[in-house]
Protein backbone atom coordinates (compact mmCIF):
# COMPACT_ATOMS: atom_id res chain seq x y z
CA MET A 1 9.33 -6.23 84.33
CA PRO A 2 7.17 -3.46 85.77
CA ARG A 3 7.70 -2.11 89.28
CA ILE A 4 4.48 -1.81 91.25
CA THR A 5 4.48 0.71 94.10
CA VAL A 6 1.53 0.67 96.47
CA LEU A 7 0.82 3.70 98.61
CA PRO A 8 0.26 3.08 102.35
CA HIS A 9 -3.20 1.86 103.33
CA ASP A 10 -4.14 1.65 107.03
CA LEU A 11 -5.33 -1.98 106.91
CA LEU A 12 -4.01 -3.67 103.79
CA CYS A 13 -0.53 -2.20 103.51
CA PRO A 14 0.33 0.16 106.40
CA THR A 15 3.85 1.02 105.24
CA GLY A 16 3.22 0.80 101.51
CA ALA A 17 4.96 -1.70 99.27
CA ALA A 18 7.05 -1.97 96.13
CA PHE A 19 7.72 -5.08 94.09
CA ASP A 20 8.46 -6.25 90.59
CA ALA A 21 5.77 -8.16 88.73
CA LYS A 22 5.72 -10.11 85.52
CA ALA A 23 4.28 -8.33 82.48
CA GLY A 24 1.08 -10.07 81.37
CA THR A 25 0.00 -10.71 84.97
CA PHE A 26 -3.23 -9.26 86.33
CA LEU A 27 -2.65 -6.52 88.90
CA CYS A 28 -4.93 -8.25 91.42
CA ASP A 29 -2.84 -11.44 91.22
CA ALA A 30 0.40 -9.48 91.61
CA LEU A 31 -0.94 -7.69 94.70
CA LEU A 32 -2.15 -10.93 96.29
CA LYS A 33 1.11 -12.73 95.50
CA ASN A 34 3.00 -9.96 97.30
CA GLY A 35 0.96 -10.15 100.50
CA ILE A 36 -1.54 -7.36 99.85
CA GLU A 37 -4.91 -8.93 100.64
CA LEU A 38 -7.01 -6.89 98.25
CA GLU A 39 -10.64 -7.88 98.45
CA HIS A 40 -11.93 -9.68 95.33
CA ALA A 41 -15.39 -10.92 96.22
CA CYS A 42 -16.30 -12.17 92.74
CA GLU A 43 -13.09 -14.20 92.47
CA LYS A 44 -11.73 -11.88 89.75
CA SER A 45 -14.59 -12.30 87.28
CA CYS A 46 -15.43 -8.58 86.87
CA ALA A 47 -18.77 -9.00 88.62
CA CYS A 48 -18.21 -6.57 91.52
CA ALA A 49 -16.06 -3.58 92.39
CA THR A 50 -14.28 -4.83 95.52
CA CYS A 51 -10.84 -4.82 93.86
CA HIS A 52 -11.14 -1.15 92.90
CA VAL A 53 -7.78 0.63 92.80
CA ILE A 54 -6.63 4.07 91.68
CA ILE A 55 -3.68 4.17 89.31
CA ARG A 56 -1.80 7.34 90.33
CA GLU A 57 1.06 6.87 87.83
CA GLY A 58 1.22 4.72 84.72
CA TYR A 59 -2.51 4.87 83.93
CA ALA A 60 -1.95 5.90 80.30
CA SER A 61 0.15 2.78 79.68
CA LEU A 62 -2.79 0.46 80.41
CA SER A 63 -5.35 -0.87 77.96
CA PRO A 64 -8.64 1.01 78.26
CA ALA A 65 -11.30 -0.44 80.53
CA ALA A 66 -13.90 -2.58 78.78
CA GLU A 67 -17.59 -1.73 79.09
CA ASP A 68 -18.25 -4.42 81.73
CA GLU A 69 -15.43 -3.03 83.89
CA GLU A 70 -16.80 0.50 83.50
CA ASP A 71 -20.24 -0.76 84.58
CA GLN A 72 -18.79 -2.32 87.74
CA LEU A 73 -16.66 0.74 88.51
CA ASP A 74 -19.85 2.80 88.73
CA LYS A 75 -20.50 0.91 92.00
CA ALA A 76 -17.08 1.59 93.53
CA TRP A 77 -16.50 3.82 96.55
CA GLY A 78 -14.18 6.78 95.86
CA LEU A 79 -14.32 6.48 92.08
CA ASN A 80 -12.14 8.86 90.07
CA THR A 81 -10.87 9.22 86.52
CA HIS A 82 -7.93 6.85 87.13
CA SER A 83 -9.97 4.11 88.82
CA ARG A 84 -9.67 0.54 87.59
CA LEU A 85 -10.55 -2.94 88.78
CA ALA A 86 -7.34 -4.74 89.68
CA CYS A 87 -8.79 -8.00 88.33
CA GLN A 88 -8.98 -6.43 84.86
CA VAL A 89 -5.65 -4.58 84.70
CA ILE A 90 -3.06 -6.54 82.76
CA LEU A 91 0.42 -5.36 83.62
CA ARG A 92 2.57 -4.18 80.77
CA HIS A 93 6.18 -3.03 80.98
CA ASP A 94 5.48 0.34 82.60
CA ASP A 95 5.77 0.95 86.33
CA LEU A 96 2.58 1.72 88.26
CA LEU A 97 1.86 3.73 91.39
CA VAL A 98 -1.28 2.29 92.97
CA GLU A 99 -3.57 3.68 95.65
CA LEU A 100 -5.92 1.35 97.50
CA PRO A 101 -9.15 3.19 98.35
CA ARG A 102 -9.98 3.58 102.02
CA TYR A 103 -13.20 1.57 101.66
CA SER A 104 -14.49 -1.25 99.53
CA LEU A 105 -18.18 -1.70 98.83
CA ASN A 106 -19.00 -5.40 99.10
CA LEU A 107 -22.76 -5.84 98.76
CA ALA A 108 -22.51 -9.50 99.77
CA HIS A 109 -21.15 -8.51 103.19
CA GLU A 110 -22.79 -5.13 103.82
CA GLU A 111 -25.64 -4.85 106.33
CA HIS A 112 -28.88 -3.81 104.67
């Protein structure tokens, strides 16, 4: 059972968090189940980038991102080489250290 550690985030997780999650679970579901209200505007269908996270430790243990995830990540704020969409990350047995970006770009709610 992997241990998920979330770094502090001013709004979503001010003191950080750590919890065990079941292998085979999507990271987004594990975060939501543990009280971290990560935005997921497309209801976890890989059609936006609102659930963008940065995997600070454990990235190499994850399956590579599929092309549709890569396409959506191009729209994410604060993108880096260890960025993933939490709705597409399937937890394995390795622990993860997760950073929640400061901002989320939600085109459905942004003023134009």
